[in-house]
Protein backbone atom coordinates (compact mmCIF):
# COMPACT_ATOMS: atom_id res chain seq x y z
CA UNK A 1 -0.88 45.00 -34.46
CA UNK A 2 -1.11 41.47 -34.08
CA UNK A 3 1.78 40.78 -35.96
CA UNK A 4 5.88 40.94 -34.82
CA UNK A 5 9.15 42.13 -36.58
CA UNK A 6 12.41 40.38 -37.01
CA UNK A 7 13.42 42.53 -34.36
CA UNK A 8 10.78 41.72 -31.95
CA UNK A 9 11.06 37.88 -32.82
CA UNK A 10 15.34 37.76 -31.92
CA UNK A 11 13.96 39.61 -28.21
CA UNK A 12 11.61 36.51 -27.64
CA UNK A 13 14.00 33.54 -29.24
CA UNK A 14 16.47 34.93 -26.89
CA UNK A 15 14.14 35.36 -23.37
CA UNK A 16 13.37 31.71 -24.76
CA UNK A 17 17.07 30.41 -24.61
CA UNK A 18 18.02 30.34 -28.44
CA UNK A 19 20.71 32.75 -29.31
CA UNK A 20 20.13 34.08 -33.03
CA UNK A 21 21.47 36.70 -35.17
CA UNK A 22 19.04 39.53 -36.36
CA UNK A 23 20.61 38.61 -39.82
CA UNK A 24 19.82 34.74 -39.50
CA UNK A 25 16.66 35.71 -38.36
CA UNK A 26 15.44 37.53 -41.31
CA UNK A 27 16.50 34.47 -44.07
CA UNK A 28 14.10 32.26 -41.88
CA UNK A 29 11.50 34.55 -41.25
CA UNK A 30 11.68 35.01 -45.44
CA UNK A 31 10.59 31.01 -45.00
CA UNK A 32 7.60 31.21 -43.26
CA UNK A 33 6.28 34.88 -44.22
CA UNK A 34 3.60 33.80 -46.62
CA UNK A 35 2.13 37.14 -47.59
CA UNK A 36 6.34 38.75 -47.90
CA UNK A 37 4.93 41.49 -45.37
CA UNK A 38 8.25 41.35 -43.17
CA UNK A 39 5.76 41.30 -40.53
CA UNK A 40 5.02 37.58 -38.73
CA UNK A 41 1.23 36.84 -37.36
CA UNK A 42 0.68 34.11 -34.94
CA UNK A 43 0.33 31.46 -37.05
CA UNK A 44 3.20 32.28 -38.83
CA UNK A 45 5.33 32.88 -35.70
CA UNK A 46 4.39 29.37 -34.78
CA UNK A 47 5.69 27.71 -37.90
CA UNK A 48 8.95 30.04 -37.22
CA UNK A 49 9.10 28.20 -34.01
CA UNK A 50 8.67 25.08 -35.24
CA UNK A 51 11.24 25.49 -37.94
CA UNK A 52 13.92 26.18 -35.23
CA UNK A 53 12.88 23.62 -33.18
CA UNK A 54 13.04 21.06 -35.96
CA UNK A 55 16.70 22.26 -36.59
CA UNK A 56 17.71 21.93 -33.30
CA UNK A 57 16.20 18.52 -33.02
CA UNK A 58 18.18 17.60 -36.68
CA UNK A 59 21.74 18.68 -34.63
CA UNK A 60 20.84 16.61 -31.45
CA UNK A 61 19.99 13.72 -33.76
CA UNK A 62 23.13 13.92 -35.42
CA UNK A 63 25.09 14.15 -32.59
CA UNK A 64 23.47 11.36 -30.81
CA UNK A 65 23.81 9.11 -34.04
CA UNK A 66 27.60 10.01 -34.20
CA UNK A 67 28.08 8.40 -30.50
CA UNK A 68 25.50 6.15 -29.98
CA UNK A 69 26.57 2.06 -29.69
CA UNK A 70 24.20 0.51 -32.62
CA UNK A 71 24.02 -2.79 -30.87
CA UNK A 72 21.67 -0.81 -28.20
CA UNK A 73 20.76 2.39 -30.37
CA UNK A 74 21.76 4.51 -26.93
CA UNK A 75 24.58 6.57 -26.18
CA UNK A 76 27.28 5.62 -23.13
CA UNK A 77 26.82 8.46 -20.58
CA UNK A 78 30.19 8.87 -20.34
CA UNK A 79 30.18 10.77 -23.72
CA UNK A 80 27.55 13.22 -22.27
CA UNK A 81 29.54 16.00 -21.58
CA UNK A 82 31.55 16.02 -25.14
CA UNK A 83 27.67 15.58 -26.75
CA UNK A 84 26.34 18.46 -24.83
CA UNK A 85 29.38 20.66 -25.33
CA UNK A 86 29.28 19.89 -29.13
CA UNK A 87 25.60 21.08 -29.21
CA UNK A 88 26.40 24.15 -27.68
CA UNK A 89 25.86 23.78 -23.94
CA UNK A 90 28.16 24.88 -21.59
CA UNK A 91 29.32 23.21 -18.07
CA UNK A 92 28.27 22.56 -15.37
CA UNK A 93 25.69 20.51 -16.62
CA UNK A 94 22.43 18.96 -15.12
CA UNK A 95 23.96 15.79 -13.00
CA UNK A 96 23.12 12.31 -14.36
CA UNK A 97 23.89 9.30 -12.21
CA UNK A 98 26.11 7.27 -13.86
CA UNK A 99 26.78 3.52 -13.14
CA UNK A 100 28.56 1.17 -15.47
CA UNK A 101 27.45 0.51 -18.86
CA UNK A 102 24.50 3.20 -18.03
CA UNK A 103 23.32 4.47 -21.73
CA UNK A 104 21.13 7.45 -22.66
CA UNK A 105 18.67 6.97 -25.16
CA UNK A 106 17.54 10.00 -27.81
CA UNK A 107 14.72 11.33 -25.58
CA UNK A 108 16.94 10.95 -22.61
CA UNK A 109 19.55 13.66 -24.42
CA UNK A 110 16.50 15.84 -25.74
CA UNK A 111 15.60 16.05 -22.11
CA UNK A 112 19.12 16.94 -21.21
CA UNK A 113 19.50 19.44 -23.93
CA UNK A 114 16.45 21.08 -22.74
CA UNK A 115 17.61 21.25 -19.25
CA UNK A 116 20.69 23.10 -20.18
CA UNK A 117 18.67 25.06 -22.13
CA UNK A 118 17.20 26.38 -19.03
CA UNK A 119 20.44 27.45 -17.25
CA UNK A 120 21.34 29.46 -20.71
CA UNK A 121 18.18 31.11 -20.44
CA UNK A 122 19.50 32.54 -16.74
CA UNK A 123 22.82 33.05 -18.08
CA UNK A 124 21.67 34.73 -21.35
CA UNK A 125 19.50 36.99 -19.22
CA UNK A 126 22.20 38.74 -17.23
CA UNK A 127 24.23 38.83 -20.48
CA UNK A 128 21.35 40.57 -22.16
CA UNK A 129 21.80 37.87 -24.98
CA UNK A 130 25.52 39.30 -26.01
CA UNK A 131 28.04 36.91 -26.82
CA UNK A 132 31.02 35.89 -24.52
CA UNK A 133 32.93 38.31 -26.71
CA UNK A 134 31.05 41.23 -26.32
CA UNK A 135 31.11 40.68 -22.82
CA UNK A 136 34.70 41.13 -22.79
CA UNK A 137 34.90 43.93 -24.94
CA UNK A 138 32.30 46.00 -22.61
CA UNK A 139 34.57 45.12 -19.68
CA UNK A 140 37.41 46.25 -21.00
CA UNK A 141 35.85 49.28 -21.87
CA UNK A 142 34.19 49.65 -18.56
CA UNK A 143 37.14 49.40 -16.58
CA UNK A 144 38.87 51.86 -18.75
CA UNK A 145 36.35 54.48 -17.81
CA UNK A 146 35.88 53.56 -14.18
CA UNK A 147 39.02 55.30 -13.12
CA UNK A 148 38.97 54.73 -9.85
CA UNK A 149 38.02 51.23 -9.73
CA UNK A 150 34.86 51.26 -7.17
CA UNK A 151 32.86 49.56 -10.01
CA UNK A 152 30.39 52.62 -11.19
CA UNK A 153 31.09 55.00 -13.98
CA UNK A 154 29.21 58.96 -14.20
CA UNK A 155 27.00 60.22 -16.63
CA UNK A 156 30.30 62.05 -18.01
CA UNK A 157 32.00 58.65 -18.34
CA UNK A 158 29.08 56.65 -19.89
CA UNK A 159 28.87 59.19 -22.49
CA UNK A 160 32.27 58.52 -23.62
CA UNK A 161 31.86 54.52 -23.78
CA UNK A 162 28.75 55.47 -25.91
CA UNK A 163 30.41 57.71 -27.79
CA UNK A 164 32.64 54.63 -29.17
CA UNK A 165 29.92 52.86 -30.58
CA UNK A 166 27.99 55.93 -31.77
CA UNK A 167 25.11 55.64 -29.48
CA UNK A 168 25.73 58.90 -27.65
CA UNK A 169 22.77 60.88 -27.31
CA UNK A 170 23.10 64.15 -29.38
CA UNK A 171 20.14 66.50 -27.55
CA UNK A 172 18.63 67.48 -24.48
CA UNK A 173 15.18 64.96 -25.34
CA UNK A 174 17.62 61.94 -25.74
CA UNK A 175 19.74 62.54 -22.68
CA UNK A 176 16.92 63.00 -20.64
CA UNK A 177 15.72 59.69 -22.14
CA UNK A 178 19.07 58.37 -21.61
CA UNK A 179 18.12 58.46 -17.75
CA UNK A 180 14.84 56.99 -18.11
CA UNK A 181 16.61 54.17 -19.58
CA UNK A 182 19.28 53.54 -17.47
CA UNK A 183 16.44 52.82 -14.69
CA UNK A 184 14.78 50.65 -17.25
CA UNK A 185 18.52 48.87 -17.34
CA UNK A 186 18.91 48.68 -13.64
CA UNK A 187 15.17 46.75 -13.62
CA UNK A 188 16.26 44.67 -15.93
CA UNK A 189 19.54 43.56 -14.58
CA UNK A 190 17.53 43.20 -11.19
CA UNK A 191 15.33 40.56 -13.05
CA UNK A 192 18.24 38.37 -14.39
CA UNK A 193 19.53 38.12 -10.97
CA UNK A 194 21.88 41.33 -10.18
CA UNK A 195 22.09 42.42 -6.65
CA UNK A 196 24.15 45.75 -7.11
CA UNK A 197 22.83 47.73 -9.76
CA UNK A 198 22.88 50.96 -8.05
CA UNK A 199 19.76 52.77 -7.24
CA UNK A 200 17.10 54.50 -9.50
CA UNK A 201 17.32 57.94 -10.59
CA UNK A 202 21.44 58.20 -9.96
CA UNK A 203 23.66 59.33 -12.96
CA UNK A 204 26.36 56.13 -11.84
CA UNK A 205 25.79 53.09 -13.58
CA UNK A 206 26.92 49.77 -12.49
CA UNK A 207 28.71 47.24 -15.34
CA UNK A 208 25.70 44.71 -15.22
CA UNK A 209 23.28 47.22 -15.70
CA UNK A 210 25.62 49.20 -18.63
CA UNK A 211 25.16 45.86 -20.47
CA UNK A 212 21.58 46.02 -20.27
CA UNK A 213 21.53 49.72 -21.43
CA UNK A 214 23.82 48.63 -24.37
CA UNK A 215 21.19 45.72 -25.40
CA UNK A 216 18.88 48.89 -25.23
CA UNK A 217 20.72 51.20 -27.04
CA UNK A 218 21.49 48.14 -29.94
CA UNK A 219 17.94 47.34 -30.09
CA UNK A 220 17.11 50.83 -31.03
CA UNK A 221 19.35 51.15 -33.97
CA UNK A 222 18.46 47.69 -35.15
CA UNK A 223 14.93 48.91 -35.27
CA UNK A 224 15.53 52.08 -36.60
CA UNK A 225 17.97 50.14 -39.80
CA UNK A 226 14.30 47.27 -39.96
CA UNK A 227 12.18 50.30 -40.60
CA UNK A 228 14.23 51.78 -42.89
CA UNK A 229 14.57 48.31 -44.68
CA UNK A 230 10.89 48.09 -44.80
CA UNK A 231 10.52 51.53 -46.03
CA UNK A 232 12.41 50.37 -49.26
CA UNK A 233 10.09 47.23 -49.86
């Protein structure tokens, strides 16, 4: 169609390392959606990306100003781990050669934050964009149903987990589609660097493959909700 929805924007933002919620993204889309269509053309999408980048740079500048030495307009390197964590980055941080009285200017800090995002992207692909709290909840539920503790759950056990989220297939067609989605989830897990994902076509599923499947099913639910909202406009 030449346009992207809020849901598609969320997937693109996660792909480049921004952790965003669909609700937050919808608010920002309203700021750049010139024709109020609820969809973004290419120019509107670029404005949205620029808006997020400007927000990010403003946060980095605020953190830099709080930590900088006023006499040199630079930040002591020993403060770097705390500053990066305050900006949402997680260790391990990029290695910076530290010498006595070393300082970092604003551009150097921006470069390091961008480097941290590259590491963050790799982690986020493994987690399919879910928060640590989501992953912990998934792990607890997965281990609960993995009764023999072999790292797999079978299709019947998977159905029980999906029922907890109201994601379980209700028709034969939906069950067949779930098997196809499991293979897509395995491919996504492999792309995220997971080695043990099981064999394609298998009714069994590993934890990290389940995480990818959960993202696909949640996206389907969000897409249905988005289409309902669009129909009401």
